[in-house]
Amino acid sequence: MTKKLNSFESLGNINFKNLRKDISPNSSSIIKTDTPKKNQNLEAHFSNKGRAGKVVTIIKGFDGDPQSIKKFAKSIKTYTGSGGTIKNKEIIIQGNFRDKIIVFIESLGYKVKRVGG
């Protein structure tokens, strides 16, 4: 039986052992891809077209097998703390995280171009 929490003090005494700390771009827990980075010219787009007004960030130009694209998209989604998907070799991240994603991708060693407004 668990103890009932009656105050913020008792809430502060809870020990969270299995939670991950904040992920930084230089964190070793981020999944690295095996795709050559020198020849990759990625583009970071911002769009809400065809999505009922919802804003998304689109990463285009990533070359690699489907498994490496999944790993790359997973690391971006983990870093931004948002959802996303992969369609036609484009990584679609929910929300306007274009500048944050550009900094993250550049820290991984890729060249990123900011496209659009």
PDB file of N, CA and C in Angstrom:
ATOM      1  N   MET A   1       0.837  -1.165   0.000  1.00  0.00           N
ATOM      2  CA  MET A   1       0.000   0.000   0.000  1.00  0.00           C
ATOM      3  C   MET A   1       0.890   1.239   0.000  1.00  0.00           C
ATOM      4  N   THR A   2       0.551   2.208  -0.836  1.00  0.00           N
ATOM      5  CA  THR A   2       1.348   3.420  -0.915  1.00  0.00           C
ATOM      6  C   THR A   2       0.841   4.466   0.059  1.00  0.00           C
ATOM      7  N   LYS A   3       1.740   5.327   0.452  1.00  0.00           N
ATOM      8  CA  LYS A   3       1.415   6.384   1.399  1.00  0.00           C
ATOM      9  C   LYS A   3       0.748   7.543   0.669  1.00  0.00           C
ATOM     10  N   LYS A   4      -0.276   8.109   1.234  1.00  0.00           N
ATOM     11  CA  LYS A   4      -0.989   9.219   0.637  1.00  0.00           C
ATOM     12  C   LYS A   4      -0.186  10.501   0.823  1.00  0.00           C
ATOM     13  N   LEU A   5      -0.141  11.328  -0.242  1.00  0.00           N
ATOM     14  CA  LEU A   5       0.589  12.587  -0.198  1.00  0.00           C
ATOM     15  C   LEU A   5      -0.369  13.701   0.216  1.00  0.00           C
ATOM     16  N   ASN A   6      -0.088  14.341   1.342  1.00  0.00           N
ATOM     17  CA  ASN A   6      -0.956  15.382   1.860  1.00  0.00           C
ATOM     18  C   ASN A   6      -0.396  16.785   1.707  1.00  0.00           C
ATOM     19  N   SER A   7       0.897  16.905   1.340  1.00  0.00           N
ATOM     20  CA  SER A   7       1.486  18.232   1.235  1.00  0.00           C
ATOM     21  C   SER A   7       2.587  18.223   0.186  1.00  0.00           C
ATOM     22  N   PHE A   8       3.065  19.426  -0.127  1.00  0.00           N
ATOM     23  CA  PHE A   8       4.166  19.540  -1.076  1.00  0.00           C
ATOM     24  C   PHE A   8       5.467  19.015  -0.489  1.00  0.00           C
ATOM     25  N   GLU A   9       5.613  19.069   0.820  1.00  0.00           N
ATOM     26  CA  GLU A   9       6.811  18.531   1.461  1.00  0.00           C
ATOM     27  C   GLU A   9       6.921  17.032   1.242  1.00  0.00           C
ATOM     28  N   SER A  10       5.824  16.320   1.412  1.00  0.00           N
ATOM     29  CA  SER A  10       5.864  14.876   1.198  1.00  0.00           C
ATOM     30  C   SER A  10       6.064  14.559  -0.282  1.00  0.00           C
ATOM     31  N   LEU A  11       5.581  15.414  -1.171  1.00  0.00           N
ATOM     32  CA  LEU A  11       5.815  15.229  -2.593  1.00  0.00           C
ATOM     33  C   LEU A  11       7.288  15.423  -2.932  1.00  0.00           C
ATOM     34  N   GLY A  12       7.943  16.357  -2.242  1.00  0.00           N
ATOM     35  CA  GLY A  12       9.360  16.616  -2.469  1.00  0.00           C
ATOM     36  C   GLY A  12      10.261  15.502  -1.979  1.00  0.00           C
ATOM     37  N   ASN A  13       9.765  14.646  -1.117  1.00  0.00           N
ATOM     38  CA  ASN A  13      10.571  13.548  -0.601  1.00  0.00           C
ATOM     39  C   ASN A  13      10.547  12.309  -1.495  1.00  0.00           C
ATOM     40  N   ILE A  14       9.784  12.349  -2.565  1.00  0.00           N
ATOM     41  CA  ILE A  14       9.722  11.203  -3.473  1.00  0.00           C
ATOM     42  C   ILE A  14      11.027  11.122  -4.249  1.00  0.00           C
ATOM     43  N   ASN A  15      11.582   9.918  -4.386  1.00  0.00           N
ATOM     44  CA  ASN A  15      12.823   9.701  -5.106  1.00  0.00           C
ATOM     45  C   ASN A  15      12.494   9.109  -6.473  1.00  0.00           C
ATOM     46  N   PHE A  16      12.785   9.852  -7.525  1.00  0.00           N
ATOM     47  CA  PHE A  16      12.553   9.388  -8.885  1.00  0.00           C
ATOM     48  C   PHE A  16      13.852   8.828  -9.434  1.00  0.00           C
ATOM     49  N   LYS A  17      14.016   7.509  -9.365  1.00  0.00           N
ATOM     50  CA  LYS A  17      15.272   6.884  -9.777  1.00  0.00           C
ATOM     51  C   LYS A  17      15.363   6.645 -11.276  1.00  0.00           C
ATOM     52  N   ASN A  18      14.269   6.325 -11.917  1.00  0.00           N
ATOM     53  CA  ASN A  18      14.318   5.867 -13.298  1.00  0.00           C
ATOM     54  C   ASN A  18      14.068   6.951 -14.338  1.00  0.00           C
ATOM     55  N   LEU A  19      13.948   8.202 -13.931  1.00  0.00           N
ATOM     56  CA  LEU A  19      13.700   9.264 -14.887  1.00  0.00           C
ATOM     57  C   LEU A  19      15.005   9.779 -15.465  1.00  0.00           C
ATOM     58  N   ARG A  20      14.963  10.126 -16.765  1.00  0.00           N
ATOM     59  CA  ARG A  20      16.140  10.665 -17.435  1.00  0.00           C
ATOM     60  C   ARG A  20      16.280  12.150 -17.142  1.00  0.00           C
ATOM     61  N   LYS A  21      17.504  12.614 -17.114  1.00  0.00           N
ATOM     62  CA  LYS A  21      17.763  14.035 -16.926  1.00  0.00           C
ATOM     63  C   LYS A  21      17.535  14.750 -18.248  1.00  0.00           C
ATOM     64  N   ASP A  22      17.526  16.070 -18.223  1.00  0.00           N
ATOM     65  CA  ASP A  22      17.321  16.865 -19.427  1.00  0.00           C
ATOM     66  C   ASP A  22      18.379  16.523 -20.464  1.00  0.00           C
ATOM     67  N   ILE A  23      17.945  16.359 -21.696  1.00  0.00           N
ATOM     68  CA  ILE A  23      18.859  15.974 -22.766  1.00  0.00           C
ATOM     69  C   ILE A  23      19.444  17.228 -23.394  1.00  0.00           C
ATOM     70  N   SER A  24      20.754  17.262 -23.512  1.00  0.00           N
ATOM     71  CA  SER A  24      21.424  18.378 -24.156  1.00  0.00           C
ATOM     72  C   SER A  24      21.978  17.898 -25.492  1.00  0.00           C
ATOM     73  N   PRO A  25      22.319  18.803 -26.413  1.00  0.00           N
ATOM     74  CA  PRO A  25      22.821  18.386 -27.717  1.00  0.00           C
ATOM     75  C   PRO A  25      24.092  17.549 -27.631  1.00  0.00           C
ATOM     76  N   ASN A  26      24.881  17.709 -26.581  1.00  0.00           N
ATOM     77  CA  ASN A  26      26.125  16.970 -26.466  1.00  0.00           C
ATOM     78  C   ASN A  26      25.989  15.719 -25.611  1.00  0.00           C
ATOM     79  N   SER A  27      24.774  15.338 -25.294  1.00  0.00           N
ATOM     80  CA  SER A  27      24.536  14.187 -24.437  1.00  0.00           C
ATOM     81  C   SER A  27      24.941  12.903 -25.133  1.00  0.00           C
ATOM     82  N   SER A  28      25.521  11.970 -24.393  1.00  0.00           N
ATOM     83  CA  SER A  28      25.953  10.704 -24.971  1.00  0.00           C
ATOM     84  C   SER A  28      24.803   9.727 -25.130  1.00  0.00           C
ATOM     85  N   SER A  29      23.625  10.028 -24.565  1.00  0.00           N
ATOM     86  CA  SER A  29      22.499   9.115 -24.665  1.00  0.00           C
ATOM     87  C   SER A  29      21.728   9.281 -25.968  1.00  0.00           C
ATOM     88  N   ILE A  30      22.061  10.290 -26.763  1.00  0.00           N
ATOM     89  CA  ILE A  30      21.367  10.514 -28.022  1.00  0.00           C
ATOM     90  C   ILE A  30      21.878   9.511 -29.050  1.00  0.00           C
ATOM     91  N   ILE A  31      20.955   8.962 -29.810  1.00  0.00           N
ATOM     92  CA  ILE A  31      21.301   7.944 -30.795  1.00  0.00           C
ATOM     93  C   ILE A  31      22.044   8.596 -31.949  1.00  0.00           C
ATOM     94  N   LYS A  32      23.189   8.052 -32.271  1.00  0.00           N
ATOM     95  CA  LYS A  32      23.981   8.541 -33.390  1.00  0.00           C
ATOM     96  C   LYS A  32      23.661   7.699 -34.622  1.00  0.00           C
ATOM     97  N   THR A  33      23.693   8.326 -35.791  1.00  0.00           N
ATOM     98  CA  THR A  33      23.430   7.602 -37.021  1.00  0.00           C
ATOM     99  C   THR A  33      24.746   7.260 -37.698  1.00  0.00           C
ATOM    100  N   ASP A  34      24.699   6.254 -38.574  1.00  0.00           N
ATOM    101  CA  ASP A  34      25.892   5.799 -39.262  1.00  0.00           C
ATOM    102  C   ASP A  34      26.038   6.408 -40.648  1.00  0.00           C
ATOM    103  N   THR A  35      25.154   7.308 -41.033  1.00  0.00           N
ATOM    104  CA  THR A  35      25.165   7.903 -42.353  1.00  0.00           C
ATOM    105  C   THR A  35      26.269   8.960 -42.439  1.00  0.00           C
ATOM    106  N   PRO A  36      27.018   9.001 -43.575  1.00  0.00           N
ATOM    107  CA  PRO A  36      28.037  10.036 -43.729  1.00  0.00           C
ATOM    108  C   PRO A  36      27.429  11.424 -43.654  1.00  0.00           C
ATOM    109  N   LYS A  37      28.008  12.272 -42.835  1.00  0.00           N
ATOM    110  CA  LYS A  37      27.437  13.583 -42.575  1.00  0.00           C
ATOM    111  C   LYS A  37      27.936  14.642 -43.553  1.00  0.00           C
ATOM    112  N   LYS A  38      29.087  14.432 -44.148  1.00  0.00           N
ATOM    113  CA  LYS A  38      29.693  15.463 -44.981  1.00  0.00           C
ATOM    114  C   LYS A  38      28.867  15.760 -46.228  1.00  0.00           C
ATOM    115  N   ASN A  39      28.253  14.735 -46.802  1.00  0.00           N
ATOM    116  CA  ASN A  39      27.534  14.909 -48.054  1.00  0.00           C
ATOM    117  C   ASN A  39      26.062  15.252 -47.851  1.00  0.00           C
ATOM    118  N   GLN A  40      25.627  15.386 -46.633  1.00  0.00           N
ATOM    119  CA  GLN A  40      24.224  15.645 -46.339  1.00  0.00           C
ATOM    120  C   GLN A  40      23.974  17.148 -46.249  1.00  0.00           C
ATOM    121  N   ASN A  41      23.069  17.629 -47.073  1.00  0.00           N
ATOM    122  CA  ASN A  41      22.633  19.019 -47.001  1.00  0.00           C
ATOM    123  C   ASN A  41      21.160  19.006 -46.629  1.00  0.00           C
ATOM    124  N   LEU A  42      20.874  19.211 -45.362  1.00  0.00           N
ATOM    125  CA  LEU A  42      19.511  19.142 -44.867  1.00  0.00           C
ATOM    126  C   LEU A  42      18.852  20.510 -44.940  1.00  0.00           C
ATOM    127  N   GLU A  43      17.533  20.497 -45.061  1.00  0.00           N
ATOM    128  CA  GLU A  43      16.760  21.726 -45.079  1.00  0.00           C
ATOM    129  C   GLU A  43      15.712  21.664 -43.980  1.00  0.00           C
ATOM    130  N   ALA A  44      15.569  22.740 -43.218  1.00  0.00           N
ATOM    131  CA  ALA A  44      14.571  22.817 -42.157  1.00  0.00           C
ATOM    132  C   ALA A  44      13.471  23.772 -42.604  1.00  0.00           C
ATOM    133  N   HIS A  45      12.277  23.223 -42.832  1.00  0.00           N
ATOM    134  CA  HIS A  45      11.131  23.997 -43.296  1.00  0.00           C
ATOM    135  C   HIS A  45      10.136  24.181 -42.164  1.00  0.00           C
ATOM    136  N   PHE A  46       9.298  25.196 -42.326  1.00  0.00           N
ATOM    137  CA  PHE A  46       8.218  25.496 -41.396  1.00  0.00           C
ATOM    138  C   PHE A  46       6.943  25.500 -42.222  1.00  0.00           C
ATOM    139  N   SER A  47       5.918  24.744 -41.798  1.00  0.00           N
ATOM    140  CA  SER A  47       4.719  24.649 -42.614  1.00  0.00           C
ATOM    141  C   SER A  47       3.481  24.438 -41.751  1.00  0.00           C
ATOM    142  N   ASN A  48       2.345  24.906 -42.255  1.00  0.00           N
ATOM    143  CA  ASN A  48       1.054  24.574 -41.670  1.00  0.00           C
ATOM    144  C   ASN A  48       0.054  24.234 -42.770  1.00  0.00           C
ATOM    145  N   LYS A  49       0.544  24.082 -43.981  1.00  0.00           N
ATOM    146  CA  LYS A  49      -0.294  23.824 -45.136  1.00  0.00           C
ATOM    147  C   LYS A  49      -0.838  22.399 -45.118  1.00  0.00           C
ATOM    148  N   GLY A  50      -2.133  22.243 -45.273  1.00  0.00           N
ATOM    149  CA  GLY A  50      -2.744  20.931 -45.333  1.00  0.00           C
ATOM    150  C   GLY A  50      -2.829  20.211 -44.003  1.00  0.00           C
ATOM    151  N   ARG A  51      -2.684  20.949 -42.900  1.00  0.00           N
ATOM    152  CA  ARG A  51      -2.693  20.327 -41.580  1.00  0.00           C
ATOM    153  C   ARG A  51      -3.676  21.023 -40.645  1.00  0.00           C
ATOM    154  N   ALA A  52      -4.727  21.564 -41.205  1.00  0.00           N
ATOM    155  CA  ALA A  52      -5.780  22.246 -40.437  1.00  0.00           C
ATOM    156  C   ALA A  52      -5.222  23.347 -39.535  1.00  0.00           C
ATOM    157  N   GLY A  53      -4.210  24.058 -40.013  1.00  0.00           N
ATOM    158  CA  GLY A  53      -3.640  25.163 -39.253  1.00  0.00           C
ATOM    159  C   GLY A  53      -2.606  24.763 -38.229  1.00  0.00           C
ATOM    160  N   LYS A  54      -2.358  23.474 -38.061  1.00  0.00           N
ATOM    161  CA  LYS A  54      -1.342  23.010 -37.112  1.00  0.00           C
ATOM    162  C   LYS A  54       0.045  23.259 -37.701  1.00  0.00           C
ATOM    163  N   VAL A  55       0.962  23.703 -36.869  1.00  0.00           N
ATOM    164  CA  VAL A  55       2.309  24.048 -37.302  1.00  0.00           C
ATOM    165  C   VAL A  55       3.222  22.837 -37.173  1.00  0.00           C
ATOM    166  N   VAL A  56       4.042  22.596 -38.208  1.00  0.00           N
ATOM    167  CA  VAL A  56       5.020  21.511 -38.160  1.00  0.00           C
ATOM    168  C   VAL A  56       6.357  22.019 -38.686  1.00  0.00           C
ATOM    169  N   THR A  57       7.416  21.321 -38.297  1.00  0.00           N
ATOM    170  CA  THR A  57       8.750  21.563 -38.813  1.00  0.00           C
ATOM    171  C   THR A  57       9.125  20.365 -39.654  1.00  0.00           C
ATOM    172  N   ILE A  58       9.562  20.596 -40.885  1.00  0.00           N
ATOM    173  CA  ILE A  58       9.885  19.513 -41.807  1.00  0.00           C
ATOM    174  C   ILE A  58      11.379  19.524 -42.086  1.00  0.00           C
ATOM    175  N   ILE A  59      12.023  18.376 -41.926  1.00  0.00           N
ATOM    176  CA  ILE A  59      13.439  18.208 -42.242  1.00  0.00           C
ATOM    177  C   ILE A  59      13.529  17.409 -43.529  1.00  0.00           C
ATOM    178  N   LYS A  60      14.110  18.009 -44.560  1.00  0.00           N
ATOM    179  CA  LYS A  60      14.232  17.359 -45.868  1.00  0.00           C
ATOM    180  C   LYS A  60      15.705  17.139 -46.199  1.00  0.00           C
ATOM    181  N   GLY A  61      15.952  16.152 -47.050  1.00  0.00           N
ATOM    182  CA  GLY A  61      17.289  15.952 -47.585  1.00  0.00           C
ATOM    183  C   GLY A  61      18.122  14.915 -46.870  1.00  0.00           C
ATOM    184  N   PHE A  62      17.565  14.186 -45.906  1.00  0.00           N
ATOM    185  CA  PHE A  62      18.353  13.176 -45.193  1.00  0.00           C
ATOM    186  C   PHE A  62      18.431  11.922 -46.054  1.00  0.00           C
ATOM    187  N   ASP A  63      19.646  11.527 -46.414  1.00  0.00           N
ATOM    188  CA  ASP A  63      19.860  10.321 -47.214  1.00  0.00           C
ATOM    189  C   ASP A  63      20.286   9.194 -46.298  1.00  0.00           C
ATOM    190  N   GLY A  64      19.697   8.043 -46.515  1.00  0.00           N
ATOM    191  CA  GLY A  64      20.060   6.879 -45.712  1.00  0.00           C
ATOM    192  C   GLY A  64      18.968   5.839 -45.785  1.00  0.00           C
ATOM    193  N   ASP A  65      19.252   4.701 -45.201  1.00  0.00           N
ATOM    194  CA  ASP A  65      18.252   3.635 -45.188  1.00  0.00           C
ATOM    195  C   ASP A  65      17.139   3.995 -44.199  1.00  0.00           C
ATOM    196  N   PRO A  66      15.987   3.330 -44.319  1.00  0.00           N
ATOM    197  CA  PRO A  66      14.859   3.663 -43.437  1.00  0.00           C
ATOM    198  C   PRO A  66      15.179   3.546 -41.947  1.00  0.00           C
ATOM    199  N   GLN A  67      16.042   2.619 -41.578  1.00  0.00           N
ATOM    200  CA  GLN A  67      16.388   2.443 -40.165  1.00  0.00           C
ATOM    201  C   GLN A  67      17.159   3.659 -39.629  1.00  0.00           C
ATOM    202  N   SER A  68      18.102   4.180 -40.430  1.00  0.00           N
ATOM    203  CA  SER A  68      18.874   5.344 -39.968  1.00  0.00           C
ATOM    204  C   SER A  68      18.007   6.597 -39.924  1.00  0.00           C
ATOM    205  N   ILE A  69      17.045   6.714 -40.845  1.00  0.00           N
ATOM    206  CA  ILE A  69      16.128   7.856 -40.798  1.00  0.00           C
ATOM    207  C   ILE A  69      15.275   7.782 -39.537  1.00  0.00           C
ATOM    208  N   LYS A  70      14.836   6.573 -39.173  1.00  0.00           N
ATOM    209  CA  LYS A  70      14.047   6.400 -37.948  1.00  0.00           C
ATOM    210  C   LYS A  70      14.849   6.797 -36.716  1.00  0.00           C
ATOM    211  N   LYS A  71      16.121   6.380 -36.663  1.00  0.00           N
ATOM    212  CA  LYS A  71      16.975   6.729 -35.523  1.00  0.00           C
ATOM    213  C   LYS A  71      17.182   8.242 -35.441  1.00  0.00           C
ATOM    214  N   PHE A  72      17.417   8.857 -36.597  1.00  0.00           N
ATOM    215  CA  PHE A  72      17.631  10.302 -36.652  1.00  0.00           C
ATOM    216  C   PHE A  72      16.376  11.050 -36.206  1.00  0.00           C
ATOM    217  N   ALA A  73      15.211  10.625 -36.709  1.00  0.00           N
ATOM    218  CA  ALA A  73      13.945  11.262 -36.329  1.00  0.00           C
ATOM    219  C   ALA A  73      13.668  11.071 -34.845  1.00  0.00           C
ATOM    220  N   LYS A  74      13.969   9.892 -34.332  1.00  0.00           N
ATOM    221  CA  LYS A  74      13.755   9.608 -32.909  1.00  0.00           C
ATOM    222  C   LYS A  74      14.602  10.532 -32.037  1.00  0.00           C
ATOM    223  N   SER A  75      15.860  10.757 -32.444  1.00  0.00           N
ATOM    224  CA  SER A  75      16.719  11.637 -31.650  1.00  0.00           C
ATOM    225  C   SER A  75      16.208  13.080 -31.675  1.00  0.00           C
ATOM    226  N   ILE A  76      15.671  13.525 -32.817  1.00  0.00           N
ATOM    227  CA  ILE A  76      15.107  14.879 -32.906  1.00  0.00           C
ATOM    228  C   ILE A  76      13.857  14.985 -32.044  1.00  0.00           C
ATOM    229  N   LYS A  77      12.993  13.985 -32.120  1.00  0.00           N
ATOM    230  CA  LYS A  77      11.755  14.012 -31.336  1.00  0.00           C
ATOM    231  C   LYS A  77      12.057  13.975 -29.841  1.00  0.00           C
ATOM    232  N   THR A  78      13.061  13.204 -29.450  1.00  0.00           N
ATOM    233  CA  THR A  78      13.450  13.142 -28.045  1.00  0.00           C
ATOM    234  C   THR A  78      13.997  14.487 -27.575  1.00  0.00           C
ATOM    235  N   TYR A  79      14.802  15.120 -28.412  1.00  0.00           N
ATOM    236  CA  TYR A  79      15.398  16.402 -28.046  1.00  0.00           C
ATOM    237  C   TYR A  79      14.343  17.496 -27.905  1.00  0.00           C
ATOM    238  N   THR A  80      13.385  17.532 -28.844  1.00  0.00           N
ATOM    239  CA  THR A  80      12.365  18.581 -28.802  1.00  0.00           C
ATOM    240  C   THR A  80      11.232  18.253 -27.843  1.00  0.00           C
ATOM    241  N   GLY A  81      11.078  16.990 -27.501  1.00  0.00           N
ATOM    242  CA  GLY A  81       9.997  16.593 -26.607  1.00  0.00           C
ATOM    243  C   GLY A  81       8.643  16.648 -27.287  1.00  0.00           C
ATOM    244  N   SER A  82       8.622  16.363 -28.579  1.00  0.00           N
ATOM    245  CA  SER A  82       7.364  16.414 -29.321  1.00  0.00           C
ATOM    246  C   SER A  82       7.233  15.179 -30.193  1.00  0.00           C
ATOM    247  N   GLY A  83       6.085  15.057 -30.818  1.00  0.00           N
ATOM    248  CA  GLY A  83       5.830  13.923 -31.692  1.00  0.00           C
ATOM    249  C   GLY A  83       6.235  14.239 -33.117  1.00  0.00           C
ATOM    250  N   GLY A  84       6.125  13.232 -33.949  1.00  0.00           N
ATOM    251  CA  GLY A  84       6.455  13.434 -35.342  1.00  0.00           C
ATOM    252  C   GLY A  84       6.316  12.145 -36.119  1.00  0.00           C
ATOM    253  N   THR A  85       6.609  12.227 -37.411  1.00  0.00           N
ATOM    254  CA  THR A  85       6.511  11.065 -38.287  1.00  0.00           C
ATOM    255  C   THR A  85       7.496  11.205 -39.436  1.00  0.00           C
ATOM    256  N   ILE A  86       7.578  10.148 -40.238  1.00  0.00           N
ATOM    257  CA  ILE A  86       8.427  10.152 -41.418  1.00  0.00           C
ATOM    258  C   ILE A  86       7.541   9.829 -42.615  1.00  0.00           C
ATOM    259  N   LYS A  87       7.553  10.680 -43.620  1.00  0.00           N
ATOM    260  CA  LYS A  87       6.803  10.440 -44.850  1.00  0.00           C
ATOM    261  C   LYS A  87       7.669  10.847 -46.034  1.00  0.00           C
ATOM    262  N   ASN A  88       7.829   9.943 -46.980  1.00  0.00           N
ATOM    263  CA  ASN A  88       8.607  10.199 -48.203  1.00  0.00           C
ATOM    264  C   ASN A  88      10.010  10.721 -47.896  1.00  0.00           C
ATOM    265  N   LYS A  89      10.680  10.117 -46.934  1.00  0.00           N
ATOM    266  CA  LYS A  89      12.031  10.505 -46.497  1.00  0.00           C
ATOM    267  C   LYS A  89      12.084  11.932 -45.958  1.00  0.00           C
ATOM    268  N   GLU A  90      10.961  12.465 -45.500  1.00  0.00           N
ATOM    269  CA  GLU A  90      10.903  13.759 -44.834  1.00  0.00           C
ATOM    270  C   GLU A  90      10.516  13.527 -43.391  1.00  0.00           C
ATOM    271  N   ILE A  91      11.226  14.160 -42.477  1.00  0.00           N
ATOM    272  CA  ILE A  91      10.927  14.037 -41.058  1.00  0.00           C
ATOM    273  C   ILE A  91      10.018  15.204 -40.675  1.00  0.00           C
ATOM    274  N   ILE A  92       8.825  14.886 -40.198  1.00  0.00           N
ATOM    275  CA  ILE A  92       7.847  15.900 -39.842  1.00  0.00           C
ATOM    276  C   ILE A  92       7.715  15.926 -38.322  1.00  0.00           C
ATOM    277  N   ILE A  93       8.084  17.047 -37.718  1.00  0.00           N
ATOM    278  CA  ILE A  93       8.038  17.220 -36.269  1.00  0.00           C
ATOM    279  C   ILE A  93       6.893  18.165 -35.934  1.00  0.00           C
ATOM    280  N   GLN A  94       6.074  17.792 -34.975  1.00  0.00           N
ATOM    281  CA  GLN A  94       4.931  18.612 -34.583  1.00  0.00           C
ATOM    282  C   GLN A  94       5.403  19.835 -33.809  1.00  0.00           C
ATOM    283  N   GLY A  95       5.012  21.005 -34.255  1.00  0.00           N
ATOM    284  CA  GLY A  95       5.353  22.245 -33.570  1.00  0.00           C
ATOM    285  C   GLY A  95       6.418  23.035 -34.305  1.00  0.00           C
ATOM    286  N   ASN A  96       6.583  24.274 -33.912  1.00  0.00           N
ATOM    287  CA  ASN A  96       7.575  25.157 -34.517  1.00  0.00           C
ATOM    288  C   ASN A  96       8.871  25.089 -33.710  1.00  0.00           C
ATOM    289  N   PHE A  97       9.707  24.107 -34.025  1.00  0.00           N
ATOM    290  CA  PHE A  97      10.988  23.914 -33.347  1.00  0.00           C
ATOM    291  C   PHE A  97      12.146  24.092 -34.318  1.00  0.00           C
ATOM    292  N   ARG A  98      11.943  24.857 -35.387  1.00  0.00           N
ATOM    293  CA  ARG A  98      12.941  24.922 -36.447  1.00  0.00           C
ATOM    294  C   ARG A  98      14.304  25.390 -35.948  1.00  0.00           C
ATOM    295  N   ASP A  99      14.358  26.476 -35.202  1.00  0.00           N
ATOM    296  CA  ASP A  99      15.655  26.986 -34.732  1.00  0.00           C
ATOM    297  C   ASP A  99      16.306  26.018 -33.746  1.00  0.00           C
ATOM    298  N   LYS A 100      15.521  25.441 -32.870  1.00  0.00           N
ATOM    299  CA  LYS A 100      16.038  24.475 -31.898  1.00  0.00           C
ATOM    300  C   LYS A 100      16.577  23.231 -32.606  1.00  0.00           C
ATOM    301  N   ILE A 101      15.861  22.765 -33.628  1.00  0.00           N
ATOM    302  CA  ILE A 101      16.283  21.588 -34.384  1.00  0.00           C
ATOM    303  C   ILE A 101      17.546  21.881 -35.177  1.00  0.00           C
ATOM    304  N   ILE A 102      17.650  23.073 -35.745  1.00  0.00           N
ATOM    305  CA  ILE A 102      18.846  23.433 -36.511  1.00  0.00           C
ATOM    306  C   ILE A 102      20.082  23.387 -35.617  1.00  0.00           C
ATOM    307  N   VAL A 103      19.992  23.933 -34.425  1.00  0.00           N
ATOM    308  CA  VAL A 103      21.127  23.907 -33.489  1.00  0.00           C
ATOM    309  C   VAL A 103      21.482  22.466 -33.133  1.00  0.00           C
ATOM    310  N   PHE A 104      20.472  21.642 -32.895  1.00  0.00           N
ATOM    311  CA  PHE A 104      20.691  20.249 -32.529  1.00  0.00           C
ATOM    312  C   PHE A 104      21.354  19.466 -33.662  1.00  0.00           C
ATOM    313  N   ILE A 105      20.848  19.624 -34.889  1.00  0.00           N
ATOM    314  CA  ILE A 105      21.388  18.878 -36.025  1.00  0.00           C
ATOM    315  C   ILE A 105      22.813  19.322 -36.327  1.00  0.00           C
ATOM    316  N   GLU A 106      23.087  20.616 -36.221  1.00  0.00           N
ATOM    317  CA  GLU A 106      24.451  21.099 -36.443  1.00  0.00           C
ATOM    318  C   GLU A 106      25.408  20.565 -35.383  1.00  0.00           C
ATOM    319  N   SER A 107      24.922  20.371 -34.158  1.00  0.00           N
ATOM    320  CA  SER A 107      25.786  19.815 -33.115  1.00  0.00           C
ATOM    321  C   SER A 107      26.114  18.349 -33.389  1.00  0.00           C
ATOM    322  N   LEU A 108      25.282  17.680 -34.194  1.00  0.00           N
ATOM    323  CA  LEU A 108      25.569  16.301 -34.593  1.00  0.00           C
ATOM    324  C   LEU A 108      26.530  16.232 -35.778  1.00  0.00           C
ATOM    325  N   GLY A 109      26.815  17.369 -36.416  1.00  0.00           N
ATOM    326  CA  GLY A 109      27.797  17.404 -37.493  1.00  0.00           C
ATOM    327  C   GLY A 109      27.214  17.523 -38.887  1.00  0.00           C
ATOM    328  N   TYR A 110      25.929  17.757 -39.016  1.00  0.00           N
ATOM    329  CA  TYR A 110      25.288  17.898 -40.313  1.00  0.00           C
ATOM    330  C   TYR A 110      25.233  19.375 -40.728  1.00  0.00           C
ATOM    331  N   LYS A 111      25.089  19.609 -42.033  1.00  0.00           N
ATOM    332  CA  LYS A 111      24.881  20.962 -42.542  1.00  0.00           C
ATOM    333  C   LYS A 111      23.379  21.166 -42.692  1.00  0.00           C
ATOM    334  N   VAL A 112      22.866  22.259 -42.130  1.00  0.00           N
ATOM    335  CA  VAL A 112      21.429  22.523 -42.155  1.00  0.00           C
ATOM    336  C   VAL A 112      21.197  23.916 -42.714  1.00  0.00           C
ATOM    337  N   LYS A 113      20.208  24.010 -43.608  1.00  0.00           N
ATOM    338  CA  LYS A 113      19.842  25.292 -44.188  1.00  0.00           C
ATOM    339  C   LYS A 113      18.429  25.626 -43.737  1.00  0.00           C
ATOM    340  N   ARG A 114      18.234  26.853 -43.280  1.00  0.00           N
ATOM    341  CA  ARG A 114      16.908  27.321 -42.844  1.00  0.00           C
ATOM    342  C   ARG A 114      16.169  27.822 -44.064  1.00  0.00           C
ATOM    343  N   VAL A 115      15.031  27.202 -44.365  1.00  0.00           N
ATOM    344  CA  VAL A 115      14.288  27.545 -45.572  1.00  0.00           C
ATOM    345  C   VAL A 115      12.954  28.169 -45.188  1.00  0.00           C
ATOM    346  N   GLY A 116      12.597  29.267 -45.829  1.00  0.00           N
ATOM    347  CA  GLY A 116      11.325  29.931 -45.571  1.00  0.00           C
ATOM    348  C   GLY A 116      11.424  30.921 -44.421  1.00  0.00           C
ATOM    349  N   GLY A 117      10.388  31.760 -44.301  1.00  0.00           N
ATOM    350  CA  GLY A 117      10.259  32.813 -43.307  1.00  0.00           C
ATOM    351  C   GLY A 117      10.886  32.574 -42.052  1.00  0.00           C
TER     352      GLY A 117
END
